[in-house]
Protein backbone atom coordinates (compact mmCIF):
# COMPACT_ATOMS: atom_id res chain seq x y z
CA UNK A 1 0.00 0.00 0.00
CA UNK A 2 2.83 2.41 0.83
CA UNK A 3 4.14 2.06 -2.74
CA UNK A 4 0.81 2.66 -4.49
CA UNK A 5 1.44 4.91 -7.51
CA UNK A 6 -1.33 7.34 -6.51
CA UNK A 7 -0.18 7.48 -2.89
CA UNK A 8 -1.32 5.59 0.19
CA UNK A 9 -4.66 7.40 0.40
CA UNK A 10 -5.56 6.33 -3.16
CA UNK A 11 -5.13 2.61 -2.49
CA UNK A 12 -8.47 0.75 -2.57
CA UNK A 13 -7.91 -0.74 0.91
CA UNK A 14 -6.79 2.50 2.56
CA UNK A 15 -9.86 2.92 4.79
CA UNK A 16 -9.97 -0.74 5.80
CA UNK A 17 -6.28 -1.01 6.63
CA UNK A 18 -6.70 1.27 9.63
CA UNK A 19 -9.72 -0.54 11.03
CA UNK A 20 -8.58 -2.09 14.29
CA UNK A 21 -10.14 -5.30 15.56
CA UNK A 22 -12.78 -6.01 12.93
CA UNK A 23 -13.92 -8.95 15.06
CA UNK A 24 -14.63 -6.54 17.92
CA UNK A 25 -16.69 -3.97 16.01
CA UNK A 26 -19.72 -4.77 18.14
CA UNK A 27 -17.94 -3.91 21.42
CA UNK A 28 -18.26 -0.56 23.16
CA UNK A 29 -16.64 0.97 26.24
CA UNK A 30 -19.35 3.27 27.57
CA UNK A 31 -17.38 4.99 30.32
CA UNK A 32 -15.55 8.26 29.68
CA UNK A 33 -12.23 7.94 27.84
CA UNK A 34 -9.60 10.67 27.63
CA UNK A 35 -7.49 10.73 24.49
CA UNK A 36 -4.51 13.01 24.96
CA UNK A 37 -2.83 14.12 21.77
CA UNK A 38 0.34 16.06 21.13
CA UNK A 39 0.09 18.54 18.26
CA UNK A 40 1.71 17.64 14.97
CA UNK A 41 4.90 19.60 14.44
CA UNK A 42 3.38 21.88 11.80
CA UNK A 43 0.52 22.87 14.13
CA UNK A 44 2.71 24.47 16.81
CA UNK A 45 1.31 27.83 17.75
CA UNK A 46 -1.78 27.37 15.57
CA UNK A 47 -5.22 28.04 17.01
CA UNK A 48 -6.78 24.61 17.43
CA UNK A 49 -9.75 23.49 19.52
CA UNK A 50 -7.87 21.73 22.30
CA UNK A 51 -10.80 19.51 23.30
CA UNK A 52 -12.09 18.45 19.87
CA UNK A 53 -11.76 14.81 18.92
CA UNK A 54 -9.67 14.65 15.73
CA UNK A 55 -11.62 13.74 12.60
CA UNK A 56 -10.84 13.05 8.98
CA UNK A 57 -8.59 9.99 9.09
CA UNK A 58 -9.82 6.36 8.91
CA UNK A 59 -7.75 5.37 11.94
CA UNK A 60 -8.96 8.12 14.25
CA UNK A 61 -12.52 8.29 12.94
CA UNK A 62 -13.26 4.82 14.28
CA UNK A 63 -12.35 5.63 17.89
CA UNK A 64 -15.78 7.17 18.55
CA UNK A 65 -17.37 3.89 17.44
CA UNK A 66 -15.71 2.00 20.29
CA UNK A 67 -15.70 4.83 22.81
CA UNK A 68 -19.00 6.74 22.60
CA UNK A 69 -17.93 9.07 25.46
CA UNK A 70 -14.57 9.90 23.90
CA UNK A 71 -13.01 13.13 25.07
CA UNK A 72 -9.84 14.71 23.76
CA UNK A 73 -7.18 17.01 25.10
CA UNK A 74 -4.55 18.38 22.76
CA UNK A 75 -1.26 19.40 24.28
CA UNK A 76 1.01 21.96 22.66
CA UNK A 77 3.91 19.52 22.53
CA UNK A 78 5.18 16.65 20.45
CA UNK A 79 4.85 12.91 20.80
CA UNK A 80 6.32 12.86 24.32
CA UNK A 81 4.01 15.47 25.81
CA UNK A 82 4.11 14.07 29.38
CA UNK A 83 7.81 14.98 29.43
CA UNK A 84 7.51 18.10 27.28
CA UNK A 85 4.47 19.59 29.02
CA UNK A 86 4.12 17.84 32.40
CA UNK A 87 2.02 20.56 34.04
CA UNK A 88 -0.57 20.60 31.25
CA UNK A 89 -0.61 16.79 31.17
CA UNK A 90 -1.09 16.51 34.93
CA UNK A 91 -3.85 19.15 34.99
CA UNK A 92 -5.73 17.42 32.18
CA UNK A 93 -5.49 14.04 33.90
CA UNK A 94 -6.54 15.43 37.30
CA UNK A 95 -9.50 17.24 35.69
CA UNK A 96 -10.56 14.11 33.78
CA UNK A 97 -10.23 11.91 36.86
CA UNK A 98 -12.14 14.54 38.86
CA UNK A 99 -9.46 14.79 41.53
CA UNK A 100 -10.32 17.53 44.06
CA UNK A 101 -8.25 20.71 43.75
CA UNK A 102 -6.57 20.41 47.17
CA UNK A 103 -3.38 22.39 47.06
CA UNK A 104 -2.92 22.29 43.29
CA UNK A 105 -1.29 25.38 41.88
PDB file of N, CA and C in Angstrom:
ATOM      1  N   UNK A   1       0.816  -1.196   0.000  1.00  0.00           N
ATOM      2  CA  UNK A   1       0.000   0.000   0.000  1.00  0.00           C
ATOM      3  C   UNK A   1       0.862   1.264   0.000  1.00  0.00           C
ATOM      4  N   UNK A   2       1.975   1.228   0.725  1.00  0.00           N
ATOM      5  CA  UNK A   2       2.827   2.409   0.826  1.00  0.00           C
ATOM      6  C   UNK A   2       3.405   2.794  -0.530  1.00  0.00           C
ATOM      7  N   UNK A   3       3.534   1.810  -1.432  1.00  0.00           N
ATOM      8  CA  UNK A   3       4.139   2.061  -2.736  1.00  0.00           C
ATOM      9  C   UNK A   3       3.111   2.289  -3.841  1.00  0.00           C
ATOM     10  N   UNK A   4       1.855   2.446  -3.491  1.00  0.00           N
ATOM     11  CA  UNK A   4       0.808   2.657  -4.486  1.00  0.00           C
ATOM     12  C   UNK A   4       1.152   3.891  -5.319  1.00  0.00           C
ATOM     13  N   UNK A   5       1.053   3.793  -6.647  1.00  0.00           N
ATOM     14  CA  UNK A   5       1.440   4.913  -7.513  1.00  0.00           C
ATOM     15  C   UNK A   5       0.687   6.215  -7.226  1.00  0.00           C
ATOM     16  N   UNK A   6      -0.550   6.127  -6.793  1.00  0.00           N
ATOM     17  CA  UNK A   6      -1.325   7.336  -6.509  1.00  0.00           C
ATOM     18  C   UNK A   6      -1.171   7.813  -5.077  1.00  0.00           C
ATOM     19  N   UNK A   7      -0.352   7.134  -4.298  1.00  0.00           N
ATOM     20  CA  UNK A   7      -0.183   7.477  -2.893  1.00  0.00           C
ATOM     21  C   UNK A   7      -1.021   6.565  -2.012  1.00  0.00           C
ATOM     22  N   UNK A   8      -0.655   6.472  -0.779  1.00  0.00           N
ATOM     23  CA  UNK A   8      -1.315   5.591   0.186  1.00  0.00           C
ATOM     24  C   UNK A   8      -2.823   5.813   0.226  1.00  0.00           C
ATOM     25  N   UNK A   9      -3.243   7.079   0.262  1.00  0.00           N
ATOM     26  CA  UNK A   9      -4.663   7.400   0.396  1.00  0.00           C
ATOM     27  C   UNK A   9      -5.489   6.952  -0.812  1.00  0.00           C
ATOM     28  N   UNK A  10      -4.848   6.727  -1.949  1.00  0.00           N
ATOM     29  CA  UNK A  10      -5.563   6.327  -3.161  1.00  0.00           C
ATOM     30  C   UNK A  10      -5.705   4.815  -3.295  1.00  0.00           C
ATOM     31  N   UNK A  11      -5.045   4.071  -2.439  1.00  0.00           N
ATOM     32  CA  UNK A  11      -5.133   2.608  -2.487  1.00  0.00           C
ATOM     33  C   UNK A  11      -6.559   2.180  -2.116  1.00  0.00           C
ATOM     34  N   UNK A  12      -7.077   1.171  -2.787  1.00  0.00           N
ATOM     35  CA  UNK A  12      -8.469   0.754  -2.571  1.00  0.00           C
ATOM     36  C   UNK A  12      -8.733   0.235  -1.156  1.00  0.00           C
ATOM     37  N   UNK A  13      -7.736  -0.225  -0.460  1.00  0.00           N
ATOM     38  CA  UNK A  13      -7.912  -0.744   0.907  1.00  0.00           C
ATOM     39  C   UNK A  13      -7.520   0.262   1.985  1.00  0.00           C
ATOM     40  N   UNK A  14      -7.273   1.495   1.603  1.00  0.00           N
ATOM     41  CA  UNK A  14      -6.788   2.504   2.556  1.00  0.00           C
ATOM     42  C   UNK A  14      -7.670   2.601   3.807  1.00  0.00           C
ATOM     43  N   UNK A  15      -8.962   2.773   3.639  1.00  0.00           N
ATOM     44  CA  UNK A  15      -9.864   2.916   4.785  1.00  0.00           C
ATOM     45  C   UNK A  15      -9.929   1.681   5.649  1.00  0.00           C
ATOM     46  N   UNK A  16      -9.891   0.502   5.048  1.00  0.00           N
ATOM     47  CA  UNK A  16      -9.968  -0.743   5.803  1.00  0.00           C
ATOM     48  C   UNK A  16      -8.681  -1.063   6.549  1.00  0.00           C
ATOM     49  N   UNK A  17      -7.558  -0.625   6.025  1.00  0.00           N
ATOM     50  CA  UNK A  17      -6.280  -1.008   6.634  1.00  0.00           C
ATOM     51  C   UNK A  17      -6.101  -0.420   8.022  1.00  0.00           C
ATOM     52  N   UNK A  18      -6.819   0.643   8.326  1.00  0.00           N
ATOM     53  CA  UNK A  18      -6.697   1.273   9.633  1.00  0.00           C
ATOM     54  C   UNK A  18      -7.789   0.829  10.600  1.00  0.00           C
ATOM     55  N   UNK A  19      -8.613  -0.090  10.192  1.00  0.00           N
ATOM     56  CA  UNK A  19      -9.718  -0.537  11.032  1.00  0.00           C
ATOM     57  C   UNK A  19      -9.214  -1.585  12.016  1.00  0.00           C
ATOM     58  N   UNK A  20      -9.076  -1.187  13.259  1.00  0.00           N
ATOM     59  CA  UNK A  20      -8.576  -2.090  14.289  1.00  0.00           C
ATOM     60  C   UNK A  20      -9.654  -3.077  14.717  1.00  0.00           C
ATOM     61  N   UNK A  21      -9.257  -4.304  14.977  1.00  0.00           N
ATOM     62  CA  UNK A  21     -10.137  -5.301  15.563  1.00  0.00           C
ATOM     63  C   UNK A  21     -11.457  -5.488  14.885  1.00  0.00           C
ATOM     64  N   UNK A  22     -11.477  -5.853  13.593  1.00  0.00           N
ATOM     65  CA  UNK A  22     -12.778  -6.005  12.928  1.00  0.00           C
ATOM     66  C   UNK A  22     -13.689  -7.017  13.621  1.00  0.00           C
ATOM     67  N   UNK A  23     -13.103  -7.976  14.335  1.00  0.00           N
ATOM     68  CA  UNK A  23     -13.924  -8.952  15.059  1.00  0.00           C
ATOM     69  C   UNK A  23     -14.589  -8.346  16.294  1.00  0.00           C
ATOM     70  N   UNK A  24     -14.110  -7.184  16.713  1.00  0.00           N
ATOM     71  CA  UNK A  24     -14.635  -6.542  17.917  1.00  0.00           C
ATOM     72  C   UNK A  24     -15.486  -5.319  17.613  1.00  0.00           C
ATOM     73  N   UNK A  25     -15.930  -5.169  16.388  1.00  0.00           N
ATOM     74  CA  UNK A  25     -16.693  -3.973  16.007  1.00  0.00           C
ATOM     75  C   UNK A  25     -17.969  -3.792  16.816  1.00  0.00           C
ATOM     76  N   UNK A  26     -18.488  -4.849  17.370  1.00  0.00           N
ATOM     77  CA  UNK A  26     -19.723  -4.766  18.140  1.00  0.00           C
ATOM     78  C   UNK A  26     -19.484  -4.291  19.573  1.00  0.00           C
ATOM     79  N   UNK A  27     -18.247  -4.268  20.036  1.00  0.00           N
ATOM     80  CA  UNK A  27     -17.943  -3.912  21.424  1.00  0.00           C
ATOM     81  C   UNK A  27     -17.883  -2.405  21.614  1.00  0.00           C
ATOM     82  N   UNK A  28     -18.302  -1.970  22.804  1.00  0.00           N
ATOM     83  CA  UNK A  28     -18.257  -0.558  23.165  1.00  0.00           C
ATOM     84  C   UNK A  28     -17.760  -0.442  24.605  1.00  0.00           C
ATOM     85  N   UNK A  29     -17.045   0.640  24.883  1.00  0.00           N
ATOM     86  CA  UNK A  29     -16.639   0.974  26.240  1.00  0.00           C
ATOM     87  C   UNK A  29     -17.365   2.263  26.571  1.00  0.00           C
ATOM     88  N   UNK A  30     -18.427   2.149  27.360  1.00  0.00           N
ATOM     89  CA  UNK A  30     -19.350   3.265  27.565  1.00  0.00           C
ATOM     90  C   UNK A  30     -18.862   4.317  28.556  1.00  0.00           C
ATOM     91  N   UNK A  31     -17.861   4.006  29.337  1.00  0.00           N
ATOM     92  CA  UNK A  31     -17.381   4.987  30.321  1.00  0.00           C
ATOM     93  C   UNK A  31     -16.548   6.058  29.628  1.00  0.00           C
ATOM     94  N   UNK A  32     -16.346   7.189  30.286  1.00  0.00           N
ATOM     95  CA  UNK A  32     -15.547   8.257  29.677  1.00  0.00           C
ATOM     96  C   UNK A  32     -14.115   7.797  29.389  1.00  0.00           C
ATOM     97  N   UNK A  33     -13.603   8.245  28.263  1.00  0.00           N
ATOM     98  CA  UNK A  33     -12.230   7.942  27.844  1.00  0.00           C
ATOM     99  C   UNK A  33     -11.565   9.256  27.464  1.00  0.00           C
ATOM    100  N   UNK A  34     -10.358   9.470  27.979  1.00  0.00           N
ATOM    101  CA  UNK A  34      -9.595  10.666  27.630  1.00  0.00           C
ATOM    102  C   UNK A  34      -8.503  10.285  26.654  1.00  0.00           C
ATOM    103  N   UNK A  35      -8.505  10.942  25.513  1.00  0.00           N
ATOM    104  CA  UNK A  35      -7.490  10.728  24.493  1.00  0.00           C
ATOM    105  C   UNK A  35      -6.634  11.980  24.458  1.00  0.00           C
ATOM    106  N   UNK A  36      -5.425  11.870  24.963  1.00  0.00           N
ATOM    107  CA  UNK A  36      -4.511  13.011  24.962  1.00  0.00           C
ATOM    108  C   UNK A  36      -3.639  12.936  23.724  1.00  0.00           C
ATOM    109  N   UNK A  37      -3.503  14.069  23.053  1.00  0.00           N
ATOM    110  CA  UNK A  37      -2.834  14.120  21.766  1.00  0.00           C
ATOM    111  C   UNK A  37      -1.857  15.283  21.742  1.00  0.00           C
ATOM    112  N   UNK A  38      -0.619  14.994  21.377  1.00  0.00           N
ATOM    113  CA  UNK A  38       0.341  16.055  21.126  1.00  0.00           C
ATOM    114  C   UNK A  38       0.056  16.639  19.751  1.00  0.00           C
ATOM    115  N   UNK A  39       0.335  17.896  19.560  1.00  0.00           N
ATOM    116  CA  UNK A  39       0.092  18.536  18.264  1.00  0.00           C
ATOM    117  C   UNK A  39       1.142  18.094  17.260  1.00  0.00           C
ATOM    118  N   UNK A  40       0.713  17.894  16.024  1.00  0.00           N
ATOM    119  CA  UNK A  40       1.706  17.642  14.973  1.00  0.00           C
ATOM    120  C   UNK A  40       2.655  18.824  14.872  1.00  0.00           C
ATOM    121  N   UNK A  41       3.859  18.575  14.461  1.00  0.00           N
ATOM    122  CA  UNK A  41       4.901  19.600  14.437  1.00  0.00           C
ATOM    123  C   UNK A  41       4.461  20.863  13.717  1.00  0.00           C
ATOM    124  N   UNK A  42       3.799  20.723  12.586  1.00  0.00           N
ATOM    125  CA  UNK A  42       3.378  21.882  11.796  1.00  0.00           C
ATOM    126  C   UNK A  42       2.283  22.701  12.448  1.00  0.00           C
ATOM    127  N   UNK A  43       1.631  22.172  13.483  1.00  0.00           N
ATOM    128  CA  UNK A  43       0.524  22.872  14.132  1.00  0.00           C
ATOM    129  C   UNK A  43       0.977  23.721  15.320  1.00  0.00           C
ATOM    130  N   UNK A  44       2.247  23.717  15.638  1.00  0.00           N
ATOM    131  CA  UNK A  44       2.715  24.471  16.808  1.00  0.00           C
ATOM    132  C   UNK A  44       2.321  25.938  16.690  1.00  0.00           C
ATOM    133  N   UNK A  45       1.706  26.431  17.727  1.00  0.00           N
ATOM    134  CA  UNK A  45       1.309  27.828  17.750  1.00  0.00           C
ATOM    135  C   UNK A  45       0.012  28.125  17.015  1.00  0.00           C
ATOM    136  N   UNK A  46      -0.534  27.154  16.298  1.00  0.00           N
ATOM    137  CA  UNK A  46      -1.778  27.374  15.570  1.00  0.00           C
ATOM    138  C   UNK A  46      -2.951  27.376  16.545  1.00  0.00           C
ATOM    139  N   UNK A  47      -4.026  28.046  16.179  1.00  0.00           N
ATOM    140  CA  UNK A  47      -5.221  28.042  17.009  1.00  0.00           C
ATOM    141  C   UNK A  47      -6.019  26.785  16.673  1.00  0.00           C
ATOM    142  N   UNK A  48      -6.098  25.884  17.625  1.00  0.00           N
ATOM    143  CA  UNK A  48      -6.784  24.609  17.431  1.00  0.00           C
ATOM    144  C   UNK A  48      -7.681  24.381  18.640  1.00  0.00           C
ATOM    145  N   UNK A  49      -8.870  23.847  18.410  1.00  0.00           N
ATOM    146  CA  UNK A  49      -9.755  23.485  19.517  1.00  0.00           C
ATOM    147  C   UNK A  49      -9.061  22.379  20.309  1.00  0.00           C
ATOM    148  N   UNK A  50      -8.673  22.676  21.525  1.00  0.00           N
ATOM    149  CA  UNK A  50      -7.868  21.729  22.302  1.00  0.00           C
ATOM    150  C   UNK A  50      -8.670  20.560  22.850  1.00  0.00           C
ATOM    151  N   UNK A  51      -9.996  20.620  22.770  1.00  0.00           N
ATOM    152  CA  UNK A  51     -10.795  19.510  23.304  1.00  0.00           C
ATOM    153  C   UNK A  51     -11.576  18.776  22.222  1.00  0.00           C
ATOM    154  N   UNK A  52     -11.364  19.110  20.960  1.00  0.00           N
ATOM    155  CA  UNK A  52     -12.086  18.451  19.873  1.00  0.00           C
ATOM    156  C   UNK A  52     -11.435  17.112  19.537  1.00  0.00           C
ATOM    157  N   UNK A  53     -12.255  16.113  19.349  1.00  0.00           N
ATOM    158  CA  UNK A  53     -11.761  14.806  18.919  1.00  0.00           C
ATOM    159  C   UNK A  53     -11.350  14.925  17.455  1.00  0.00           C
ATOM    160  N   UNK A  54     -10.110  14.546  17.124  1.00  0.00           N
ATOM    161  CA  UNK A  54      -9.669  14.645  15.728  1.00  0.00           C
ATOM    162  C   UNK A  54     -10.560  13.841  14.786  1.00  0.00           C
ATOM    163  N   UNK A  55     -10.795  14.378  13.619  1.00  0.00           N
ATOM    164  CA  UNK A  55     -11.624  13.737  12.595  1.00  0.00           C
ATOM    165  C   UNK A  55     -10.913  13.825  11.250  1.00  0.00           C
ATOM    166  N   UNK A  56     -11.324  12.952  10.336  1.00  0.00           N
ATOM    167  CA  UNK A  56     -10.838  13.052   8.976  1.00  0.00           C
ATOM    168  C   UNK A  56      -9.790  12.032   8.577  1.00  0.00           C
ATOM    169  N   UNK A  57      -9.542  11.047   9.420  1.00  0.00           N
ATOM    170  CA  UNK A  57      -8.593   9.986   9.088  1.00  0.00           C
ATOM    171  C   UNK A  57      -9.235   8.658   9.475  1.00  0.00           C
ATOM    172  N   UNK A  58      -9.154   7.644   8.612  1.00  0.00           N
ATOM    173  CA  UNK A  58      -9.820   6.365   8.907  1.00  0.00           C
ATOM    174  C   UNK A  58      -9.426   5.762  10.256  1.00  0.00           C
ATOM    175  N   UNK A  59      -8.185   5.953  10.666  1.00  0.00           N
ATOM    176  CA  UNK A  59      -7.754   5.373  11.936  1.00  0.00           C
ATOM    177  C   UNK A  59      -8.425   6.077  13.116  1.00  0.00           C
ATOM    178  N   UNK A  60      -8.407   7.399  13.112  1.00  0.00           N
ATOM    179  CA  UNK A  60      -8.964   8.125  14.251  1.00  0.00           C
ATOM    180  C   UNK A  60     -10.482   8.215  14.221  1.00  0.00           C
ATOM    181  N   UNK A  61     -11.068   8.188  13.039  1.00  0.00           N
ATOM    182  CA  UNK A  61     -12.524   8.289  12.939  1.00  0.00           C
ATOM    183  C   UNK A  61     -13.240   7.121  13.600  1.00  0.00           C
ATOM    184  N   UNK A  62     -12.600   5.985  13.694  1.00  0.00           N
ATOM    185  CA  UNK A  62     -13.262   4.819  14.276  1.00  0.00           C
ATOM    186  C   UNK A  62     -13.260   4.826  15.804  1.00  0.00           C
ATOM    187  N   UNK A  63     -12.443   5.653  16.436  1.00  0.00           N
ATOM    188  CA  UNK A  63     -12.355   5.635  17.894  1.00  0.00           C
ATOM    189  C   UNK A  63     -13.707   5.910  18.545  1.00  0.00           C
ATOM    190  N   UNK A  64     -14.468   6.843  17.977  1.00  0.00           N
ATOM    191  CA  UNK A  64     -15.784   7.166  18.545  1.00  0.00           C
ATOM    192  C   UNK A  64     -16.743   5.981  18.474  1.00  0.00           C
ATOM    193  N   UNK A  65     -16.525   5.087  17.538  1.00  0.00           N
ATOM    194  CA  UNK A  65     -17.372   3.889  17.439  1.00  0.00           C
ATOM    195  C   UNK A  65     -17.201   3.021  18.692  1.00  0.00           C
ATOM    196  N   UNK A  66     -15.995   2.858  19.135  1.00  0.00           N
ATOM    197  CA  UNK A  66     -15.709   1.997  20.285  1.00  0.00           C
ATOM    198  C   UNK A  66     -15.848   2.722  21.618  1.00  0.00           C
ATOM    199  N   UNK A  67     -15.649   4.028  21.592  1.00  0.00           N
ATOM    200  CA  UNK A  67     -15.699   4.833  22.815  1.00  0.00           C
ATOM    201  C   UNK A  67     -16.702   5.970  22.623  1.00  0.00           C
ATOM    202  N   UNK A  68     -17.988   5.718  22.864  1.00  0.00           N
ATOM    203  CA  UNK A  68     -19.000   6.744  22.602  1.00  0.00           C
ATOM    204  C   UNK A  68     -18.844   8.000  23.457  1.00  0.00           C
ATOM    205  N   UNK A  69     -18.175   7.895  24.617  1.00  0.00           N
ATOM    206  CA  UNK A  69     -17.926   9.069  25.461  1.00  0.00           C
ATOM    207  C   UNK A  69     -16.448   9.444  25.375  1.00  0.00           C
ATOM    208  N   UNK A  70     -15.968   9.575  24.149  1.00  0.00           N
ATOM    209  CA  UNK A  70     -14.565   9.902  23.903  1.00  0.00           C
ATOM    210  C   UNK A  70     -14.352  11.397  24.050  1.00  0.00           C
ATOM    211  N   UNK A  71     -13.367  11.735  24.855  1.00  0.00           N
ATOM    212  CA  UNK A  71     -13.011  13.134  25.071  1.00  0.00           C
ATOM    213  C   UNK A  71     -11.556  13.305  24.648  1.00  0.00           C
ATOM    214  N   UNK A  72     -11.206  14.479  24.226  1.00  0.00           N
ATOM    215  CA  UNK A  72      -9.842  14.711  23.757  1.00  0.00           C
ATOM    216  C   UNK A  72      -9.236  15.910  24.463  1.00  0.00           C
ATOM    217  N   UNK A  73      -7.930  15.869  24.578  1.00  0.00           N
ATOM    218  CA  UNK A  73      -7.178  17.007  25.098  1.00  0.00           C
ATOM    219  C   UNK A  73      -5.890  17.096  24.299  1.00  0.00           C
ATOM    220  N   UNK A  74      -5.793  18.148  23.501  1.00  0.00           N
ATOM    221  CA  UNK A  74      -4.549  18.379  22.761  1.00  0.00           C
ATOM    222  C   UNK A  74      -3.579  19.113  23.672  1.00  0.00           C
ATOM    223  N   UNK A  75      -2.321  18.780  23.500  1.00  0.00           N
ATOM    224  CA  UNK A  75      -1.259  19.399  24.282  1.00  0.00           C
ATOM    225  C   UNK A  75      -0.293  20.030  23.296  1.00  0.00           C
ATOM    226  N   UNK A  76       0.092  21.267  23.556  1.00  0.00           N
ATOM    227  CA  UNK A  76       1.012  21.958  22.659  1.00  0.00           C
ATOM    228  C   UNK A  76       2.421  21.424  22.868  1.00  0.00           C
ATOM    229  N   UNK A  77       2.624  20.207  22.406  1.00  0.00           N
ATOM    230  CA  UNK A  77       3.909  19.516  22.532  1.00  0.00           C
ATOM    231  C   UNK A  77       3.937  18.422  21.484  1.00  0.00           C
ATOM    232  N   UNK A  78       5.032  17.722  21.425  1.00  0.00           N
ATOM    233  CA  UNK A  78       5.178  16.654  20.447  1.00  0.00           C
ATOM    234  C   UNK A  78       4.680  15.323  20.967  1.00  0.00           C
ATOM    235  N   UNK A  79       5.281  14.266  20.476  1.00  0.00           N
ATOM    236  CA  UNK A  79       4.852  12.913  20.801  1.00  0.00           C
ATOM    237  C   UNK A  79       5.030  12.591  22.282  1.00  0.00           C
ATOM    238  N   UNK A  80       6.028  13.163  22.919  1.00  0.00           N
ATOM    239  CA  UNK A  80       6.322  12.862  24.321  1.00  0.00           C
ATOM    240  C   UNK A  80       5.824  13.989  25.222  1.00  0.00           C
ATOM    241  N   UNK A  81       4.544  14.324  25.087  1.00  0.00           N
ATOM    242  CA  UNK A  81       4.007  15.467  25.815  1.00  0.00           C
ATOM    243  C   UNK A  81       4.053  15.327  27.331  1.00  0.00           C
ATOM    244  N   UNK A  82       3.986  14.114  27.920  1.00  0.00           N
ATOM    245  CA  UNK A  82       4.106  14.069  29.380  1.00  0.00           C
ATOM    246  C   UNK A  82       5.452  14.631  29.866  1.00  0.00           C
ATOM    247  N   UNK A  83       6.501  14.428  29.071  1.00  0.00           N
ATOM    248  CA  UNK A  83       7.805  14.975  29.429  1.00  0.00           C
ATOM    249  C   UNK A  83       7.951  16.432  28.977  1.00  0.00           C
ATOM    250  N   UNK A  84       7.371  16.759  27.836  1.00  0.00           N
ATOM    251  CA  UNK A  84       7.513  18.100  27.277  1.00  0.00           C
ATOM    252  C   UNK A  84       6.596  19.126  27.948  1.00  0.00           C
ATOM    253  N   UNK A  85       5.447  18.685  28.398  1.00  0.00           N
ATOM    254  CA  UNK A  85       4.472  19.589  29.020  1.00  0.00           C
ATOM    255  C   UNK A  85       3.841  18.895  30.229  1.00  0.00           C
ATOM    256  N   UNK A  86       4.639  18.604  31.259  1.00  0.00           N
ATOM    257  CA  UNK A  86       4.115  17.837  32.398  1.00  0.00           C
ATOM    258  C   UNK A  86       2.993  18.539  33.158  1.00  0.00           C
ATOM    259  N   UNK A  87       3.068  19.855  33.290  1.00  0.00           N
ATOM    260  CA  UNK A  87       2.024  20.561  34.043  1.00  0.00           C
ATOM    261  C   UNK A  87       0.675  20.471  33.334  1.00  0.00           C
ATOM    262  N   UNK A  88       0.674  20.681  32.027  1.00  0.00           N
ATOM    263  CA  UNK A  88      -0.567  20.600  31.249  1.00  0.00           C
ATOM    264  C   UNK A  88      -1.099  19.167  31.283  1.00  0.00           C
ATOM    265  N   UNK A  89      -0.205  18.202  31.147  1.00  0.00           N
ATOM    266  CA  UNK A  89      -0.606  16.788  31.175  1.00  0.00           C
ATOM    267  C   UNK A  89      -1.231  16.430  32.515  1.00  0.00           C
ATOM    268  N   UNK A  90      -0.572  16.814  33.596  1.00  0.00           N
ATOM    269  CA  UNK A  90      -1.092  16.515  34.933  1.00  0.00           C
ATOM    270  C   UNK A  90      -2.444  17.174  35.176  1.00  0.00           C
ATOM    271  N   UNK A  91      -2.575  18.445  34.799  1.00  0.00           N
ATOM    272  CA  UNK A  91      -3.848  19.150  34.992  1.00  0.00           C
ATOM    273  C   UNK A  91      -4.976  18.470  34.221  1.00  0.00           C
ATOM    274  N   UNK A  92      -4.701  18.070  32.989  1.00  0.00           N
ATOM    275  CA  UNK A  92      -5.730  17.416  32.178  1.00  0.00           C
ATOM    276  C   UNK A  92      -6.145  16.087  32.806  1.00  0.00           C
ATOM    277  N   UNK A  93      -5.176  15.332  33.279  1.00  0.00           N
ATOM    278  CA  UNK A  93      -5.492  14.043  33.901  1.00  0.00           C
ATOM    279  C   UNK A  93      -6.263  14.231  35.206  1.00  0.00           C
ATOM    280  N   UNK A  94      -5.834  15.183  36.034  1.00  0.00           N
ATOM    281  CA  UNK A  94      -6.539  15.430  37.297  1.00  0.00           C
ATOM    282  C   UNK A  94      -7.970  15.894  37.045  1.00  0.00           C
ATOM    283  N   UNK A  95      -8.160  16.755  36.039  1.00  0.00           N
ATOM    284  CA  UNK A  95      -9.502  17.239  35.693  1.00  0.00           C
ATOM    285  C   UNK A  95     -10.367  16.073  35.196  1.00  0.00           C
ATOM    286  N   UNK A  96      -9.811  15.242  34.319  1.00  0.00           N
ATOM    287  CA  UNK A  96     -10.563  14.111  33.782  1.00  0.00           C
ATOM    288  C   UNK A  96     -10.926  13.116  34.880  1.00  0.00           C
ATOM    289  N   UNK A  97      -9.993  12.864  35.770  1.00  0.00           N
ATOM    290  CA  UNK A  97     -10.228  11.913  36.861  1.00  0.00           C
ATOM    291  C   UNK A  97     -11.015  12.524  38.005  1.00  0.00           C
ATOM    292  N   UNK A  98     -11.337  13.816  37.882  1.00  0.00           N
ATOM    293  CA  UNK A  98     -12.138  14.541  38.861  1.00  0.00           C
ATOM    294  C   UNK A  98     -11.499  14.511  40.242  1.00  0.00           C
ATOM    295  N   UNK A  99     -10.195  14.740  40.268  1.00  0.00           N
ATOM    296  CA  UNK A  99      -9.465  14.794  41.535  1.00  0.00           C
ATOM    297  C   UNK A  99      -9.701  16.175  42.141  1.00  0.00           C
ATOM    298  N   UNK A 100     -10.085  16.239  43.416  1.00  0.00           N
ATOM    299  CA  UNK A 100     -10.319  17.534  44.061  1.00  0.00           C
ATOM    300  C   UNK A 100      -9.083  18.428  43.983  1.00  0.00           C
ATOM    301  N   UNK A 101      -9.320  19.715  43.913  1.00  0.00           N
ATOM    302  CA  UNK A 101      -8.250  20.711  43.747  1.00  0.00           C
ATOM    303  C   UNK A 101      -7.654  21.091  45.097  1.00  0.00           C
ATOM    304  N   UNK A 102      -7.157  20.142  45.852  1.00  0.00           N
ATOM    305  CA  UNK A 102      -6.575  20.410  47.168  1.00  0.00           C
ATOM    306  C   UNK A 102      -5.087  20.718  47.012  1.00  0.00           C
ATOM    307  N   UNK A 103      -4.777  21.987  47.088  1.00  0.00           N
ATOM    308  CA  UNK A 103      -3.379  22.395  47.061  1.00  0.00           C
ATOM    309  C   UNK A 103      -2.730  22.399  45.691  1.00  0.00           C
ATOM    310  N   UNK A 104      -3.528  22.190  44.629  1.00  0.00           N
ATOM    311  CA  UNK A 104      -2.924  22.288  43.292  1.00  0.00           C
ATOM    312  C   UNK A 104      -2.700  23.737  42.958  1.00  0.00           C
ATOM    313  N   UNK A 105      -1.602  23.994  42.273  1.00  0.00           N
ATOM    314  CA  UNK A 105      -1.293  25.377  41.882  1.00  0.00           C
ATOM    315  C   UNK A 105      -2.144  25.795  40.721  1.00  0.00           C
TER     316      UNK A 105
END
